[in-house]
């Protein structure tokens, strides 16, 4: 059965917001909706514009009978994994996290997210 525009609008598509360091403002896209991209001067305006862009993209896709993919599910991911590391790295991470006043787990998540963002561009 084909979904309606309202059905698709209710789905939780991943929104990516990136600061535009050259032009200013923020660029927003939905990776699962190819070509669905917009911008705004503030994060709030960019997010609001993104909802309008998402609706327009979905309307056009429905009108043109373009296949619309559903959002990726996070069901298969627990948010946990084990990692082995050299003792010296363990010590270094523990010391840095203590200096920052956060748990080593929070510090490692911060480092992973920071590097993942850098490599996803």
N, C-alpha and C. Protein backbone atom coordinates (compact mmCIF):
# COMPACT_ATOMS: atom_id res chain seq x y z
N UNK A 1 0.83 -1.18 0.00
CA UNK A 1 0.00 0.00 0.00
C UNK A 1 0.88 1.25 0.00
N UNK A 2 0.56 2.20 -0.83
CA UNK A 2 1.34 3.42 -0.94
C UNK A 2 1.04 4.35 0.23
N UNK A 3 2.09 4.93 0.76
CA UNK A 3 1.94 5.87 1.86
C UNK A 3 1.51 7.24 1.33
N UNK A 4 0.87 8.01 2.19
CA UNK A 4 0.48 9.37 1.85
C UNK A 4 1.58 10.33 2.26
N UNK A 5 1.46 11.57 1.84
CA UNK A 5 2.41 12.60 2.25
C UNK A 5 2.48 12.68 3.78
N UNK A 6 1.33 12.66 4.43
CA UNK A 6 1.32 12.73 5.89
C UNK A 6 2.03 11.53 6.53
N UNK A 7 1.89 10.35 5.92
CA UNK A 7 2.59 9.16 6.43
C UNK A 7 4.10 9.38 6.38
N UNK A 8 4.58 9.86 5.24
CA UNK A 8 6.02 10.11 5.09
C UNK A 8 6.51 11.24 6.00
N UNK A 9 5.70 12.26 6.18
CA UNK A 9 6.10 13.39 7.03
C UNK A 9 6.26 12.95 8.49
N UNK A 10 5.55 11.93 8.89
CA UNK A 10 5.63 11.44 10.28
C UNK A 10 6.86 10.57 10.52
N UNK A 11 7.48 10.08 9.45
CA UNK A 11 8.66 9.23 9.61
C UNK A 11 9.85 10.06 10.08
N UNK A 12 10.72 9.44 10.86
CA UNK A 12 11.85 10.13 11.47
C UNK A 12 13.08 10.07 10.57
N UNK A 13 13.10 10.90 9.52
CA UNK A 13 14.27 10.98 8.64
C UNK A 13 15.38 11.73 9.35
N UNK A 14 16.60 11.26 9.18
CA UNK A 14 17.76 11.89 9.81
C UNK A 14 18.05 13.23 9.13
N UNK A 15 18.14 14.27 9.95
CA UNK A 15 18.44 15.62 9.45
C UNK A 15 19.88 15.95 9.82
N UNK A 16 20.65 16.41 8.83
CA UNK A 16 22.03 16.83 9.09
C UNK A 16 22.12 18.34 8.94
N UNK A 17 22.67 19.00 9.95
CA UNK A 17 22.84 20.45 9.94
C UNK A 17 24.33 20.74 10.00
N UNK A 18 24.80 21.51 9.01
CA UNK A 18 26.23 21.84 8.92
C UNK A 18 26.36 23.35 8.81
N UNK A 19 27.28 23.90 9.60
CA UNK A 19 27.53 25.35 9.52
C UNK A 19 28.23 25.66 8.20
N UNK A 20 27.75 26.71 7.53
CA UNK A 20 28.37 27.17 6.28
C UNK A 20 29.38 28.25 6.65
N UNK A 21 30.65 27.86 6.76
CA UNK A 21 31.68 28.79 7.22
C UNK A 21 32.04 29.83 6.15
N UNK A 22 31.74 29.54 4.89
CA UNK A 22 32.07 30.50 3.82
C UNK A 22 30.99 31.56 3.64
N UNK A 23 29.75 31.14 3.57
CA UNK A 23 28.64 32.06 3.30
C UNK A 23 27.93 32.51 4.58
N UNK A 24 28.13 31.79 5.67
CA UNK A 24 27.41 32.06 6.91
C UNK A 24 26.12 31.26 6.94
N UNK A 25 25.55 31.11 8.11
CA UNK A 25 24.32 30.36 8.26
C UNK A 25 24.57 28.88 8.34
N UNK A 26 23.52 28.11 8.06
CA UNK A 26 23.57 26.66 8.20
C UNK A 26 22.90 25.99 7.01
N UNK A 27 23.46 24.85 6.61
CA UNK A 27 22.92 24.06 5.52
C UNK A 27 22.32 22.79 6.12
N UNK A 28 21.11 22.45 5.68
CA UNK A 28 20.42 21.27 6.21
C UNK A 28 20.09 20.33 5.07
N UNK A 29 20.30 19.04 5.32
CA UNK A 29 19.93 18.03 4.33
C UNK A 29 19.37 16.81 5.04
N UNK A 30 18.69 15.98 4.25
CA UNK A 30 18.19 14.69 4.70
C UNK A 30 18.90 13.65 3.85
N UNK A 31 19.91 12.96 4.38
CA UNK A 31 20.68 12.00 3.58
C UNK A 31 19.84 10.92 2.90
N UNK A 32 18.72 10.54 3.50
CA UNK A 32 17.89 9.48 2.92
C UNK A 32 16.93 10.01 1.85
N UNK A 33 16.91 11.34 1.67
CA UNK A 33 16.09 11.96 0.63
C UNK A 33 17.04 12.71 -0.30
N UNK A 34 17.64 12.04 -1.28
CA UNK A 34 18.68 12.64 -2.12
C UNK A 34 18.27 13.96 -2.76
N UNK A 35 19.09 14.97 -2.55
CA UNK A 35 18.83 16.28 -3.14
C UNK A 35 17.93 17.16 -2.30
N UNK A 36 17.45 16.66 -1.17
CA UNK A 36 16.61 17.47 -0.28
C UNK A 36 17.53 18.27 0.62
N UNK A 37 17.68 19.55 0.28
CA UNK A 37 18.66 20.40 0.97
C UNK A 37 18.12 21.82 1.03
N UNK A 38 18.43 22.50 2.12
CA UNK A 38 18.02 23.90 2.28
C UNK A 38 19.01 24.58 3.22
N UNK A 39 18.72 25.83 3.57
CA UNK A 39 19.63 26.55 4.47
C UNK A 39 18.84 27.56 5.29
N UNK A 40 19.52 28.19 6.21
CA UNK A 40 18.93 29.24 7.03
C UNK A 40 20.03 30.00 7.75
N UNK A 41 19.71 31.21 8.18
CA UNK A 41 20.71 32.04 8.85
C UNK A 41 21.01 31.56 10.26
N UNK A 42 20.03 30.93 10.92
CA UNK A 42 20.22 30.36 12.25
C UNK A 42 19.87 28.88 12.20
N UNK A 43 20.27 28.15 13.23
CA UNK A 43 19.93 26.73 13.27
C UNK A 43 18.41 26.57 13.28
N UNK A 44 17.74 27.43 14.04
CA UNK A 44 16.29 27.34 14.15
C UNK A 44 15.61 27.58 12.80
N UNK A 45 16.05 28.62 12.08
CA UNK A 45 15.44 28.91 10.78
C UNK A 45 15.80 27.83 9.76
N UNK A 46 17.01 27.30 9.85
CA UNK A 46 17.41 26.22 8.94
C UNK A 46 16.57 24.97 9.18
N UNK A 47 16.31 24.65 10.45
CA UNK A 47 15.49 23.48 10.77
C UNK A 47 14.04 23.68 10.31
N UNK A 48 13.52 24.88 10.48
CA UNK A 48 12.16 25.17 10.01
C UNK A 48 12.09 25.07 8.49
N UNK A 49 13.09 25.62 7.81
CA UNK A 49 13.14 25.53 6.35
C UNK A 49 13.27 24.08 5.89
N UNK A 50 13.96 23.27 6.70
CA UNK A 50 14.15 21.86 6.35
C UNK A 50 12.82 21.12 6.31
N UNK A 51 11.91 21.44 7.22
CA UNK A 51 10.60 20.79 7.20
C UNK A 51 9.84 21.14 5.93
N UNK A 52 9.93 22.42 5.52
CA UNK A 52 9.29 22.83 4.26
C UNK A 52 9.93 22.12 3.06
N UNK A 53 11.26 22.02 3.07
CA UNK A 53 11.97 21.35 1.97
C UNK A 53 11.62 19.86 1.93
N UNK A 54 11.53 19.24 3.09
CA UNK A 54 11.17 17.83 3.17
C UNK A 54 9.77 17.61 2.59
N UNK A 55 8.83 18.47 2.95
CA UNK A 55 7.47 18.34 2.45
C UNK A 55 7.43 18.51 0.93
N UNK A 56 8.13 19.53 0.43
CA UNK A 56 8.15 19.77 -1.02
C UNK A 56 8.82 18.61 -1.76
N UNK A 57 9.90 18.08 -1.20
CA UNK A 57 10.61 16.96 -1.82
C UNK A 57 9.69 15.74 -1.89
N UNK A 58 9.01 15.45 -0.78
CA UNK A 58 8.12 14.29 -0.74
C UNK A 58 6.94 14.45 -1.69
N UNK A 59 6.36 15.66 -1.75
CA UNK A 59 5.26 15.92 -2.67
C UNK A 59 5.69 15.67 -4.11
N UNK A 60 6.87 16.18 -4.47
CA UNK A 60 7.37 15.99 -5.84
C UNK A 60 7.63 14.52 -6.13
N UNK A 61 8.22 13.82 -5.17
CA UNK A 61 8.52 12.40 -5.36
C UNK A 61 7.23 11.59 -5.54
N UNK A 62 6.21 11.91 -4.76
CA UNK A 62 4.92 11.22 -4.90
C UNK A 62 4.31 11.52 -6.26
N UNK A 63 4.31 12.80 -6.65
CA UNK A 63 3.74 13.20 -7.95
C UNK A 63 4.45 12.53 -9.12
N UNK A 64 5.75 12.36 -9.01
CA UNK A 64 6.56 11.80 -10.10
C UNK A 64 6.76 10.28 -9.98
N UNK A 65 6.12 9.67 -9.00
CA UNK A 65 6.26 8.23 -8.74
C UNK A 65 7.72 7.82 -8.53
N UNK A 66 8.46 8.64 -7.84
CA UNK A 66 9.85 8.34 -7.49
C UNK A 66 9.84 7.52 -6.21
N UNK A 67 10.66 6.48 -6.16
CA UNK A 67 10.72 5.64 -4.96
C UNK A 67 11.22 6.46 -3.77
N UNK A 68 10.50 6.37 -2.68
CA UNK A 68 10.86 7.08 -1.45
C UNK A 68 11.31 6.03 -0.43
N UNK A 69 12.56 6.13 -0.03
CA UNK A 69 13.09 5.19 0.95
C UNK A 69 12.68 5.62 2.34
N UNK A 70 12.45 4.63 3.19
CA UNK A 70 12.12 4.93 4.57
C UNK A 70 13.41 5.14 5.36
N UNK A 71 13.33 5.84 6.49
CA UNK A 71 14.53 6.11 7.27
C UNK A 71 15.20 4.82 7.76
N UNK A 72 16.52 4.91 7.89
CA UNK A 72 17.26 3.78 8.45
C UNK A 72 16.81 3.57 9.89
N UNK A 73 16.76 2.33 10.29
CA UNK A 73 16.38 1.99 11.66
C UNK A 73 17.63 1.85 12.52
N UNK A 74 17.53 2.27 13.77
CA UNK A 74 18.64 2.10 14.71
C UNK A 74 18.45 0.84 15.56
N UNK A 75 17.42 0.04 15.23
CA UNK A 75 17.10 -1.15 16.01
C UNK A 75 18.26 -2.11 16.15
N UNK A 76 19.09 -2.22 15.14
CA UNK A 76 20.18 -3.20 15.15
C UNK A 76 21.43 -2.70 15.87
N UNK A 77 21.36 -1.52 16.49
CA UNK A 77 22.54 -0.94 17.14
C UNK A 77 22.24 -0.71 18.62
N UNK A 78 23.06 -1.29 19.47
CA UNK A 78 22.84 -1.18 20.92
C UNK A 78 23.43 0.09 21.51
N UNK A 79 24.40 0.68 20.80
CA UNK A 79 25.09 1.84 21.36
C UNK A 79 26.29 1.43 22.21
N UNK A 80 26.63 0.15 22.17
CA UNK A 80 27.76 -0.34 22.95
C UNK A 80 28.65 -1.22 22.09
N UNK A 81 29.95 -1.17 22.35
CA UNK A 81 30.89 -2.11 21.78
C UNK A 81 32.12 -2.14 22.66
N UNK A 82 32.83 -3.24 22.62
CA UNK A 82 34.04 -3.38 23.44
C UNK A 82 35.24 -3.06 22.57
N UNK A 83 36.24 -2.49 23.19
CA UNK A 83 37.44 -2.14 22.44
C UNK A 83 38.67 -2.46 23.29
N UNK A 84 39.66 -3.01 22.67
CA UNK A 84 40.95 -3.27 23.32
C UNK A 84 41.91 -2.18 22.86
N UNK A 85 42.75 -1.73 23.79
CA UNK A 85 43.71 -0.68 23.45
C UNK A 85 44.96 -0.86 24.29
N UNK A 86 46.04 -0.26 23.85
CA UNK A 86 47.27 -0.31 24.66
C UNK A 86 47.04 0.39 26.00
N UNK A 87 47.71 -0.09 27.03
CA UNK A 87 47.58 0.50 28.37
C UNK A 87 47.96 1.98 28.38
N UNK A 88 48.94 2.32 27.57
CA UNK A 88 49.38 3.73 27.53
C UNK A 88 48.26 4.64 26.99
N UNK A 89 47.51 4.17 26.00
CA UNK A 89 46.39 4.94 25.47
C UNK A 89 45.28 5.02 26.52
N UNK A 90 45.03 3.92 27.21
CA UNK A 90 44.02 3.90 28.27
C UNK A 90 44.36 4.95 29.33
N UNK A 91 45.61 4.98 29.74
CA UNK A 91 46.06 5.96 30.74
C UNK A 91 45.87 7.38 30.22
N UNK A 92 46.27 7.61 28.99
CA UNK A 92 46.16 8.95 28.40
C UNK A 92 44.70 9.41 28.34
N UNK A 93 43.81 8.52 27.89
CA UNK A 93 42.39 8.87 27.83
C UNK A 93 41.82 9.14 29.22
N UNK A 94 42.22 8.33 30.19
CA UNK A 94 41.75 8.51 31.56
C UNK A 94 42.22 9.86 32.12
N UNK A 95 43.46 10.20 31.85
CA UNK A 95 44.01 11.48 32.34
C UNK A 95 43.33 12.67 31.68
N UNK A 96 43.13 12.60 30.36
CA UNK A 96 42.47 13.71 29.66
C UNK A 96 41.03 13.90 30.11
N UNK A 97 40.32 12.80 30.28
CA UNK A 97 38.92 12.91 30.71
C UNK A 97 38.84 13.46 32.13
N UNK A 98 39.76 13.07 32.99
CA UNK A 98 39.78 13.60 34.36
C UNK A 98 40.04 15.09 34.34
N UNK A 99 40.97 15.53 33.49
CA UNK A 99 41.29 16.94 33.36
C UNK A 99 40.07 17.75 32.88
N UNK A 100 39.25 17.12 32.00
CA UNK A 100 38.05 17.78 31.47
C UNK A 100 36.88 17.70 32.44
N UNK A 101 37.01 16.85 33.47
CA UNK A 101 35.95 16.71 34.46
C UNK A 101 34.77 15.89 33.98
N UNK A 102 35.03 14.95 33.06
CA UNK A 102 33.97 14.07 32.56
C UNK A 102 34.46 12.63 32.63
N UNK A 103 33.53 11.71 32.48
CA UNK A 103 33.92 10.30 32.50
C UNK A 103 34.73 9.96 31.26
N UNK A 104 35.52 8.90 31.38
CA UNK A 104 36.30 8.48 30.22
C UNK A 104 35.37 8.05 29.08
N UNK A 105 34.23 7.45 29.42
CA UNK A 105 33.26 7.05 28.40
C UNK A 105 32.76 8.29 27.64
N UNK A 106 32.38 9.33 28.35
CA UNK A 106 31.90 10.57 27.70
C UNK A 106 33.00 11.17 26.83
N UNK A 107 34.23 11.16 27.34
CA UNK A 107 35.35 11.73 26.60
C UNK A 107 35.59 10.95 25.30
N UNK A 108 35.53 9.62 25.37
CA UNK A 108 35.74 8.79 24.18
C UNK A 108 34.62 8.99 23.16
N UNK A 109 33.37 9.11 23.64
CA UNK A 109 32.25 9.37 22.73
C UNK A 109 32.46 10.71 22.04
N UNK A 110 32.90 11.73 22.79
CA UNK A 110 33.19 13.04 22.22
C UNK A 110 34.24 12.92 21.12
N UNK A 111 35.35 12.22 21.40
CA UNK A 111 36.42 12.08 20.41
C UNK A 111 35.94 11.33 19.17
N UNK A 112 35.19 10.25 19.38
CA UNK A 112 34.68 9.49 18.24
C UNK A 112 33.72 10.32 17.39
N UNK A 113 32.82 11.05 18.04
CA UNK A 113 31.86 11.87 17.30
C UNK A 113 32.57 12.98 16.53
N UNK A 114 33.54 13.60 17.17
CA UNK A 114 34.30 14.68 16.52
C UNK A 114 35.02 14.17 15.27
N UNK A 115 35.65 13.02 15.37
CA UNK A 115 36.36 12.47 14.22
C UNK A 115 35.41 11.89 13.19
N UNK A 116 34.31 11.30 13.61
CA UNK A 116 33.34 10.76 12.66
C UNK A 116 32.76 11.89 11.81
N UNK A 117 32.48 13.01 12.43
CA UNK A 117 31.96 14.17 11.70
C UNK A 117 32.99 14.66 10.68
N UNK A 118 34.24 14.70 11.07
CA UNK A 118 35.30 15.16 10.16
C UNK A 118 35.44 14.24 8.95
N UNK A 119 35.29 12.93 9.15
CA UNK A 119 35.45 11.98 8.05
C UNK A 119 34.20 11.80 7.22
N UNK A 120 33.04 12.28 7.71
CA UNK A 120 31.80 12.09 6.94
C UNK A 120 31.59 13.17 5.90
N UNK A 121 32.45 14.15 5.86
CA UNK A 121 32.30 15.27 4.89
C UNK A 121 32.83 14.89 3.55
